[in-house]
Amino acid sequence: MKILVIGSGGREHALVWKLAQSPHVTQMWCAPGNVGIAEERLAKNSGAVECVNISTDQLPALLAFAQEKKVDLTVVGPDNPLALGIVDFFQKSGQRIWGPNQKAAQFESSKVFSQDFMEKHGIPTACAGTFSDVKEARRFAESLEGKCAVKADGLALGKGVLICATLEEAKKAIDEILVNKAFGIAGAKIVIQEFLEGMEISLHAICDGKTAKLFPTAQDHKRALEGDQGLNTGGMGTYSPTPFLNETELAETGRKILFPWLKGCAEEGIDFRGILYPGIMLTKNGPKVLEFNARFGDPETQIYLTRLESDLVEVLDASVNGTLDKIDLKWNSNASVCVVMASGGYPGDYAKGKPISGLDVVAKLPNTKVFHAGNARHGNRIVTNGGRVLGVTSWASDLKKARAAAYLAVGKIQFDGAQFRRDIAAKALGQ
């Protein structure tokens, strides 16, 4: 089987790494890929994964490449090409592709669509309002006493959510998005949600249009600094499983969210084939959805795929074919922890081109994998080239050991200005 993966981040490196382990794969490309992806080899024939210099939004070029190479399955990693309709575009030309179509991708590409859908179909979520008028938005924020989340409607690289504790902060956030256009066209409308208190976790479910199968629990760390301080980022680390939902509670949460979601999709003619990734707040009144994403999380992919025992090719194939009900997802009992090493200043301004050392040392550590993201090759050196640079991931028989192994590996990697959170998984360990 020939596979094309679209994307260039840590999520896509994890997808390539796991797909390459399948005996079904005879050839693989990644567009545009990254330094780490280019070093992966196929289990079937030791063939190299080839990186192709086509960006994720060049849909005609990606389709032409898939047709030329006779690709059997294209796997889409990031949200932007999904929102642009790459799945519909490929399918019109008879190309098999995994990911939600443009209509289904609205669960992530439009916070307004998603909020309206949840309210219409009885999915537990926060009290919220949708606004394009500044005065109306401010009035709603006042009704919440300023304790709210102000969200840009469209895609904003995981940074379009501003958490506010006071009315002054809420007004500033509203102005930042609607008046100052901090997120451009993505902020033409905003959703303001009441601030929900509780423990936040990430859920993932793979879907095939009629069946949804839940993954184990995970917890992401969105804020840049320890103790959930600082600006929102694309994610500074994650771990799985969490101790905050047992298997019975996870299944019940799935019933409360996925059942009405699937029913609503059927009623509205939404054929969702891909990953649904809801962010969940475990409130005193039960689990509530903060927002939906329509693809694998980053860095959740890195920890999920180090725990998944099933052949990922077979899982994605069943998602495309509508046969998920015929397969079982198998997970190992390990805990997995991913710590993101980012450029100094991220998610604000940061420098590029800083040489990275220690990767060769970490490559020899057991049960540890470095997933590459914002870096590049400069001569014979690997240098920083983005905000989130590396996802250092370790797995072990329990969370405490996995966390210790991940931070041991992080300590062996150096680049100028490297920043990372030192409290990934601390909540689960009561620290």
Protein backbone atom coordinates (compact mmCIF):
# COMPACT_ATOMS: atom_id res chain seq x y z
CA MET A 1 0.00 0.00 0.00
CA LYS A 2 1.29 3.47 -0.93
CA ILE A 3 0.51 6.23 1.58
CA LEU A 4 0.80 10.03 1.46
CA VAL A 5 0.71 11.93 4.76
CA ILE A 6 -0.02 15.66 4.66
CA GLY A 7 1.57 17.95 7.25
CA SER A 8 4.89 18.90 8.82
CA GLY A 9 4.51 18.91 12.60
CA GLY A 10 4.98 16.58 15.53
CA ARG A 11 1.52 15.10 14.95
CA GLU A 12 2.47 14.15 11.39
CA HIS A 13 5.82 12.71 12.52
CA ALA A 14 3.92 10.50 14.98
CA LEU A 15 1.47 9.44 12.25
CA VAL A 16 4.31 8.57 9.87
CA TRP A 17 6.19 6.71 12.61
CA LYS A 18 3.16 4.56 13.44
CA LEU A 19 2.02 4.00 9.85
CA ALA A 20 5.56 2.96 8.88
CA GLN A 21 5.30 0.04 11.33
CA SER A 22 2.46 -1.53 9.34
CA PRO A 23 3.30 -4.52 7.12
CA HIS A 24 0.77 -3.13 4.63
CA VAL A 25 2.91 -0.10 3.72
CA THR A 26 5.33 -0.48 0.82
CA GLN A 27 5.98 3.21 0.07
CA MET A 28 5.29 6.46 1.93
CA TRP A 29 5.60 10.17 1.29
CA CYS A 30 4.96 13.19 3.51
CA ALA A 31 4.17 16.68 2.20
CA PRO A 32 5.98 18.76 3.23
CA GLY A 33 7.32 16.61 6.12
CA ASN A 34 10.20 17.52 8.42
CA VAL A 35 13.71 16.49 9.46
CA GLY A 36 12.56 13.64 11.72
CA ILE A 37 10.07 12.27 9.21
CA ALA A 38 12.82 12.04 6.58
CA GLU A 39 14.72 9.69 8.92
CA GLU A 40 11.86 7.18 9.32
CA ARG A 41 12.05 3.77 7.62
CA LEU A 42 9.30 1.31 6.65
CA ALA A 43 9.09 -1.97 8.59
CA LYS A 44 8.06 -3.82 5.41
CA ASN A 45 11.15 -3.11 3.28
CA SER A 46 13.35 -0.58 5.15
CA GLY A 47 12.44 1.99 2.50
CA ALA A 48 12.84 5.66 3.42
CA VAL A 49 9.86 7.94 3.94
CA GLU A 50 10.29 10.66 1.31
CA CYS A 51 9.49 14.29 2.11
CA VAL A 52 7.89 16.22 -0.74
CA ASN A 53 8.17 20.01 -0.99
CA ILE A 54 4.44 20.77 -1.34
CA SER A 55 2.72 22.87 1.34
CA THR A 56 -0.48 21.70 3.00
CA ASP A 57 -2.68 24.33 1.31
CA GLN A 58 -1.55 23.58 -2.27
CA LEU A 59 -4.48 21.25 -2.97
CA PRO A 60 -4.06 20.92 -6.78
CA ALA A 61 -0.34 20.10 -6.40
CA LEU A 62 -1.06 17.55 -3.67
CA LEU A 63 -3.73 15.86 -5.79
CA ALA A 64 -1.45 15.79 -8.85
CA PHE A 65 1.28 14.15 -6.76
CA ALA A 66 -1.11 11.53 -5.34
CA GLN A 67 -2.32 10.71 -8.85
CA GLU A 68 1.21 10.55 -10.30
CA LYS A 69 2.46 8.19 -7.56
CA LYS A 70 -0.77 6.12 -7.57
CA VAL A 71 -1.20 6.69 -3.83
CA ASP A 72 -3.66 4.24 -2.22
CA LEU A 73 -4.49 6.38 0.81
CA THR A 74 -3.82 10.02 1.72
CA VAL A 75 -3.82 10.82 5.45
CA VAL A 76 -4.48 14.45 6.43
CA GLY A 77 -2.88 15.71 9.65
CA PRO A 78 -3.57 19.45 10.14
CA ASP A 79 -6.84 21.39 10.29
CA ASN A 80 -6.24 23.95 7.52
CA PRO A 81 -6.40 21.64 4.46
CA LEU A 82 -9.49 19.97 5.96
CA ALA A 83 -11.18 23.35 6.29
CA LEU A 84 -10.18 24.15 2.69
CA GLY A 85 -11.98 21.01 1.51
CA ILE A 86 -9.08 18.76 0.55
CA VAL A 87 -11.15 15.62 1.23
CA ASP A 88 -13.94 16.68 -1.15
CA PHE A 89 -11.31 17.76 -3.72
CA PHE A 90 -9.52 14.40 -3.66
CA GLN A 91 -12.73 12.36 -3.62
CA LYS A 92 -14.05 14.10 -6.74
CA SER A 93 -11.01 12.70 -8.56
CA GLY A 94 -11.50 9.21 -7.15
CA GLN A 95 -8.64 9.43 -4.63
CA ARG A 96 -9.02 7.66 -1.27
CA ILE A 97 -8.32 10.09 1.54
CA TRP A 98 -8.75 9.97 5.32
CA GLY A 99 -10.20 12.93 7.19
CA PRO A 100 -13.53 14.74 7.49
CA ASN A 101 -14.94 16.50 4.44
CA GLN A 102 -15.40 20.28 4.40
CA LYS A 103 -18.92 20.19 5.84
CA ALA A 104 -17.81 17.89 8.69
CA ALA A 105 -14.62 19.93 9.30
CA GLN A 106 -16.83 22.86 10.35
CA PHE A 107 -16.86 21.39 13.86
CA GLU A 108 -13.37 22.88 14.12
CA SER A 109 -13.25 25.53 11.41
CA SER A 110 -16.23 27.41 12.89
CA LYS A 111 -16.71 27.78 16.64
CA VAL A 112 -20.11 29.37 15.86
CA PHE A 113 -21.27 26.31 13.88
CA SER A 114 -20.02 23.99 16.61
CA GLN A 115 -21.67 25.91 19.46
CA ASP A 116 -25.00 26.10 17.59
CA PHE A 117 -24.83 22.35 16.81
CA MET A 118 -24.23 21.45 20.47
CA GLU A 119 -27.11 23.59 21.69
CA LYS A 120 -29.46 22.28 18.99
CA HIS A 121 -28.71 18.60 19.65
CA GLY A 122 -28.51 18.63 23.45
CA ILE A 123 -24.76 18.09 23.81
CA PRO A 124 -23.67 19.33 27.26
CA THR A 125 -21.66 22.55 26.85
CA ALA A 126 -21.16 25.99 28.36
CA CYS A 127 -23.72 28.79 28.26
CA ALA A 128 -22.58 30.91 25.30
CA GLY A 129 -23.37 33.64 22.80
CA THR A 130 -22.18 34.44 19.28
CA PHE A 131 -21.29 38.02 18.31
CA SER A 132 -19.90 40.25 15.59
CA ASP A 133 -21.00 43.48 17.31
CA VAL A 134 -18.64 44.79 19.99
CA LYS A 135 -21.34 46.40 22.18
CA GLU A 136 -23.50 43.26 22.22
CA ALA A 137 -20.43 41.14 23.03
CA ARG A 138 -19.53 43.42 25.93
CA ARG A 139 -23.08 43.25 27.31
CA PHE A 140 -22.98 39.45 27.30
CA ALA A 141 -19.54 39.47 28.98
CA GLU A 142 -20.99 41.78 31.65
CA SER A 143 -23.79 39.26 32.29
CA LEU A 144 -21.04 36.72 33.05
CA GLU A 145 -19.19 39.26 35.24
CA GLY A 146 -16.24 38.95 32.86
CA LYS A 147 -15.55 35.32 33.77
CA CYS A 148 -15.53 33.79 30.30
CA ALA A 149 -13.63 32.41 27.33
CA VAL A 150 -13.58 34.64 24.24
CA LYS A 151 -13.01 32.57 21.09
CA ALA A 152 -12.32 33.54 17.49
CA ASP A 153 -14.79 31.74 15.22
CA GLY A 154 -12.23 30.41 12.71
CA LEU A 155 -8.88 28.61 12.79
CA ALA A 156 -6.11 30.39 14.70
CA LEU A 157 -3.35 27.79 15.19
CA GLY A 158 -4.71 26.81 18.60
CA LYS A 159 -4.25 30.35 19.94
CA GLY A 160 -7.65 31.91 19.25
CA VAL A 161 -9.04 31.42 22.77
CA LEU A 162 -8.59 34.13 25.40
CA ILE A 163 -9.46 33.18 28.99
CA CYS A 164 -10.75 36.08 31.10
CA ALA A 165 -11.22 36.40 34.86
CA THR A 166 -12.48 40.02 35.01
CA LEU A 167 -14.73 42.28 32.97
CA GLU A 168 -11.73 44.43 32.05
CA GLU A 169 -9.93 41.36 30.64
CA ALA A 170 -13.06 40.31 28.74
CA LYS A 171 -13.49 43.74 27.12
CA LYS A 172 -9.82 43.75 26.16
CA ALA A 173 -10.16 40.26 24.61
CA ILE A 174 -13.28 41.30 22.66
CA ASP A 175 -11.51 44.38 21.32
CA GLU A 176 -8.39 42.37 20.51
CA ILE A 177 -10.35 40.03 18.22
CA LEU A 178 -13.22 42.13 16.83
CA VAL A 179 -11.58 45.58 16.69
CA ASN A 180 -7.83 44.98 16.39
CA LYS A 181 -8.34 41.90 14.15
CA ALA A 182 -5.64 39.95 16.03
CA PHE A 183 -6.71 36.75 14.24
CA GLY A 184 -7.69 38.34 10.93
CA ILE A 185 -10.72 36.92 9.16
CA ALA A 186 -10.85 34.06 11.70
CA GLY A 187 -12.06 36.64 14.22
CA ALA A 188 -14.88 38.20 12.15
CA LYS A 189 -17.22 36.56 14.68
CA ILE A 190 -16.58 35.44 18.23
CA VAL A 191 -18.11 32.96 20.65
CA ILE A 192 -18.17 33.96 24.32
CA GLN A 193 -18.59 31.05 26.72
CA GLU A 194 -19.17 31.12 30.45
CA PHE A 195 -16.06 30.12 32.36
CA LEU A 196 -16.40 26.48 33.37
CA GLU A 197 -14.64 25.28 36.50
CA GLY A 198 -13.26 21.78 36.88
CA MET A 199 -10.61 19.47 35.45
CA GLU A 200 -10.02 19.77 31.71
CA ILE A 201 -9.20 16.67 29.67
CA SER A 202 -8.88 15.73 26.00
CA LEU A 203 -10.96 13.00 24.37
CA HIS A 204 -10.50 11.50 20.91
CA ALA A 205 -12.91 9.32 18.96
CA ILE A 206 -12.35 7.83 15.52
CA CYS A 207 -15.46 7.92 13.36
CA ASP A 208 -16.63 6.37 10.09
CA GLY A 209 -19.89 8.22 9.47
CA LYS A 210 -22.03 6.05 11.72
CA THR A 211 -19.75 4.54 14.40
CA ALA A 212 -17.50 6.39 16.87
CA LYS A 213 -14.87 4.60 18.99
CA LEU A 214 -13.39 6.38 21.99
CA PHE A 215 -9.66 6.52 22.73
CA PRO A 216 -8.32 6.44 26.32
CA THR A 217 -8.22 9.76 28.21
CA ALA A 218 -5.46 12.33 27.86
CA GLN A 219 -4.72 15.76 29.31
CA ASP A 220 -3.18 18.58 27.29
CA HIS A 221 -1.33 21.58 28.73
CA LYS A 222 -2.26 24.61 26.61
CA ARG A 223 -0.76 27.47 28.60
CA ALA A 224 2.85 28.45 27.96
CA LEU A 225 3.99 28.52 31.59
CA GLU A 226 3.89 26.26 34.64
CA GLY A 227 0.76 26.23 36.73
CA ASP A 228 -1.36 26.95 33.64
CA GLN A 229 -0.12 30.52 33.45
CA GLY A 230 0.76 32.60 30.41
CA LEU A 231 -0.68 32.66 26.91
CA ASN A 232 -2.49 29.82 25.16
CA THR A 233 -0.27 27.81 22.82
CA GLY A 234 -0.75 24.94 20.42
CA GLY A 235 0.04 22.63 23.36
CA MET A 236 3.12 22.35 25.61
CA GLY A 237 2.76 18.69 26.55
CA THR A 238 0.34 15.92 27.32
CA TYR A 239 -0.02 12.50 28.90
CA SER A 240 -2.27 9.45 28.86
CA PRO A 241 -4.10 7.97 30.65
CA THR A 242 -5.49 10.46 33.18
CA PRO A 243 -6.79 9.39 36.61
CA PHE A 244 -9.80 11.72 36.41
CA LEU A 245 -12.18 9.32 34.62
CA ASN A 246 -12.28 5.57 35.14
CA GLU A 247 -13.39 3.29 32.29
CA THR A 248 -17.04 3.32 33.37
CA GLU A 249 -17.06 7.14 33.64
CA LEU A 250 -15.30 7.45 30.26
CA ALA A 251 -17.94 5.25 28.62
CA GLU A 252 -20.72 7.30 30.23
CA THR A 253 -19.09 10.56 29.07
CA GLY A 254 -18.93 9.09 25.58
CA ARG A 255 -22.63 8.27 25.70
CA LYS A 256 -23.56 11.79 26.81
CA ILE A 257 -21.50 13.42 24.07
CA LEU A 258 -21.04 11.01 21.15
CA PHE A 259 -24.58 9.59 21.00
CA PRO A 260 -26.30 12.96 20.52
CA TRP A 261 -23.44 14.10 18.28
CA LEU A 262 -23.83 11.08 15.96
CA LYS A 263 -27.61 11.52 15.95
CA GLY A 264 -27.22 15.21 15.13
CA CYS A 265 -24.79 14.44 12.30
CA ALA A 266 -27.28 11.97 10.81
CA GLU A 267 -30.11 14.50 11.02
CA GLU A 268 -28.03 17.22 9.35
CA GLY A 269 -26.49 15.04 6.66
CA ILE A 270 -22.94 15.30 8.02
CA ASP A 271 -20.79 12.31 7.03
CA PHE A 272 -17.92 12.55 9.52
CA ARG A 273 -15.03 10.18 8.79
CA GLY A 274 -11.94 11.02 10.80
CA ILE A 275 -11.05 12.04 14.34
CA LEU A 276 -13.44 14.00 16.52
CA TYR A 277 -11.46 15.60 19.33
CA PRO A 278 -13.59 17.31 21.99
CA GLY A 279 -12.01 19.28 24.79
CA ILE A 280 -13.97 18.38 27.95
CA MET A 281 -14.37 20.14 31.28
CA LEU A 282 -15.31 17.81 34.15
CA THR A 283 -17.60 20.16 36.09
CA LYS A 284 -19.58 19.52 39.28
CA ASN A 285 -22.62 19.22 36.97
CA GLY A 286 -20.97 16.59 34.79
CA PRO A 287 -18.75 16.66 31.68
CA LYS A 288 -19.24 19.58 29.28
CA VAL A 289 -17.71 20.18 25.85
CA LEU A 290 -15.52 23.27 25.60
CA GLU A 291 -14.97 22.91 21.83
CA PHE A 292 -14.61 20.35 19.07
CA ASN A 293 -11.59 19.70 16.87
CA ALA A 294 -11.82 17.65 13.68
CA ARG A 295 -8.38 16.01 13.57
CA PHE A 296 -5.78 14.39 15.81
CA GLY A 297 -4.50 16.67 18.55
CA ASP A 298 -0.91 17.82 18.70
CA PRO A 299 0.75 16.69 20.98
CA GLU A 300 -1.96 14.12 21.85
CA THR A 301 -1.10 12.09 18.74
CA GLN A 302 2.39 11.51 20.09
CA ILE A 303 1.14 9.83 23.25
CA TYR A 304 -1.82 8.01 21.72
CA LEU A 305 0.24 6.36 18.99
CA THR A 306 2.88 5.19 21.46
CA ARG A 307 0.02 3.37 23.27
CA LEU A 308 -1.92 2.05 20.26
CA GLU A 309 -1.30 -1.64 19.52
CA SER A 310 -3.69 -1.89 16.56
CA ASP A 311 -2.34 -1.44 13.03
CA LEU A 312 -3.02 2.23 12.27
CA VAL A 313 -3.39 1.56 8.55
CA GLU A 314 -6.22 -0.89 9.26
CA VAL A 315 -7.88 1.58 11.65
CA LEU A 316 -7.80 4.47 9.18
CA ASP A 317 -8.90 2.18 6.36
CA ALA A 318 -11.97 1.12 8.39
CA SER A 319 -12.74 4.79 9.10
CA VAL A 320 -12.73 5.57 5.37
CA ASN A 321 -14.69 2.41 4.45
CA GLY A 322 -17.37 2.74 7.13
CA THR A 323 -16.40 -0.55 8.80
CA LEU A 324 -15.17 0.60 12.23
CA ASP A 325 -17.80 -1.59 13.89
CA LYS A 326 -15.83 -4.62 12.69
CA ILE A 327 -12.52 -3.76 14.38
CA ASP A 328 -11.37 -3.43 17.99
CA LEU A 329 -8.96 -0.73 19.07
CA LYS A 330 -6.20 -2.33 21.14
CA TRP A 331 -4.21 -0.23 23.61
CA ASN A 332 -1.23 -1.21 25.76
CA SER A 333 -1.37 -0.60 29.50
CA ASN A 334 1.58 1.81 29.48
CA ALA A 335 1.43 5.45 30.45
CA SER A 336 2.90 7.89 27.93
CA VAL A 337 4.16 11.46 28.48
CA CYS A 338 5.11 14.07 25.88
CA VAL A 339 7.00 17.24 26.83
CA VAL A 340 7.17 19.93 24.15
CA MET A 341 10.44 21.85 23.82
CA ALA A 342 9.71 25.25 22.29
CA SER A 343 11.70 28.25 21.07
CA GLY A 344 12.28 31.03 23.61
CA GLY A 345 9.44 33.55 23.44
CA TYR A 346 6.84 31.16 21.99
CA PRO A 347 3.90 31.71 21.45
CA GLY A 348 5.10 35.27 20.83
CA ASP A 349 8.12 36.26 18.74
CA TYR A 350 11.06 33.86 18.69
CA ALA A 351 14.38 33.44 16.92
CA LYS A 352 15.10 30.65 14.42
CA GLY A 353 18.25 28.85 13.37
CA LYS A 354 19.46 27.78 16.84
CA PRO A 355 21.54 24.55 16.62
CA ILE A 356 20.06 21.57 18.50
CA SER A 357 22.35 19.10 20.29
CA GLY A 358 21.76 15.86 22.19
CA LEU A 359 19.34 14.21 19.76
CA ASP A 360 21.77 11.38 19.03
CA VAL A 361 22.11 10.66 22.77
CA VAL A 362 18.33 10.58 23.32
CA ALA A 363 17.86 8.30 20.29
CA LYS A 364 19.65 5.55 22.25
CA LEU A 365 17.34 5.77 25.29
CA PRO A 366 14.80 2.94 25.69
CA ASN A 367 11.06 3.60 25.31
CA THR A 368 11.67 7.19 24.24
CA LYS A 369 10.95 8.88 20.92
CA VAL A 370 11.60 12.47 19.86
CA PHE A 371 8.94 13.68 17.43
CA HIS A 372 10.21 16.57 15.33
CA ALA A 373 8.17 19.68 14.52
CA GLY A 374 9.56 23.23 14.11
CA ASN A 375 13.09 22.49 12.98
CA ALA A 376 15.16 22.24 9.80
CA ARG A 377 18.45 20.87 8.52
CA HIS A 378 21.21 23.43 8.00
CA GLY A 379 24.27 21.74 6.53
CA ASN A 380 24.96 18.78 8.79
CA ARG A 381 23.14 20.28 11.77
CA ILE A 382 19.52 20.32 12.88
CA VAL A 383 18.40 23.83 13.88
CA THR A 384 15.21 25.40 15.26
CA ASN A 385 12.76 26.69 12.66
CA GLY A 386 9.45 27.20 14.49
CA GLY A 387 7.67 27.71 17.81
CA ARG A 388 7.16 24.16 19.01
CA VAL A 389 10.42 22.44 18.09
CA LEU A 390 10.34 18.90 19.56
CA GLY A 391 7.89 16.58 21.31
CA VAL A 392 9.99 14.44 23.65
CA THR A 393 7.89 11.35 24.40
CA SER A 394 8.49 8.45 26.80
CA TRP A 395 6.37 5.51 27.92
CA ALA A 396 6.59 3.18 30.90
CA SER A 397 4.52 0.90 33.12
CA ASP A 398 3.19 3.83 35.16
CA LEU A 399 2.85 7.58 34.80
CA LYS A 400 5.53 8.50 37.33
CA LYS A 401 8.16 6.43 35.48
CA ALA A 402 7.07 7.71 32.06
CA ARG A 403 7.26 11.31 33.26
CA ALA A 404 10.71 10.82 34.79
CA ALA A 405 11.96 9.24 31.54
CA ALA A 406 10.58 12.10 29.42
CA TYR A 407 12.24 14.77 31.55
CA LEU A 408 15.50 12.78 31.64
CA ALA A 409 15.48 12.91 27.83
CA VAL A 410 14.58 16.62 27.76
CA GLY A 411 17.60 17.31 29.97
CA LYS A 412 19.92 15.82 27.38
CA ILE A 413 18.71 18.08 24.53
CA GLN A 414 19.97 21.64 24.25
CA PHE A 415 19.36 24.66 22.06
CA ASP A 416 19.66 28.36 22.82
CA GLY A 417 16.50 29.72 24.45
CA ALA A 418 14.79 26.33 24.84
CA GLN A 419 11.65 26.57 26.95
CA PHE A 420 9.44 23.80 28.29
CA ARG A 421 6.99 23.26 31.12
CA ARG A 422 8.28 21.28 34.07
CA ASP A 423 4.83 20.30 35.34
CA ILE A 424 3.47 18.05 32.60
CA ALA A 425 1.29 15.37 34.29
CA ALA A 426 1.81 16.99 37.72
CA LYS A 427 -1.96 17.22 38.35
CA ALA A 428 -2.35 13.49 37.85
CA LEU A 429 0.41 12.81 40.37
CA GLY A 430 -1.00 15.24 42.94
CA GLN A 431 1.94 17.62 42.68
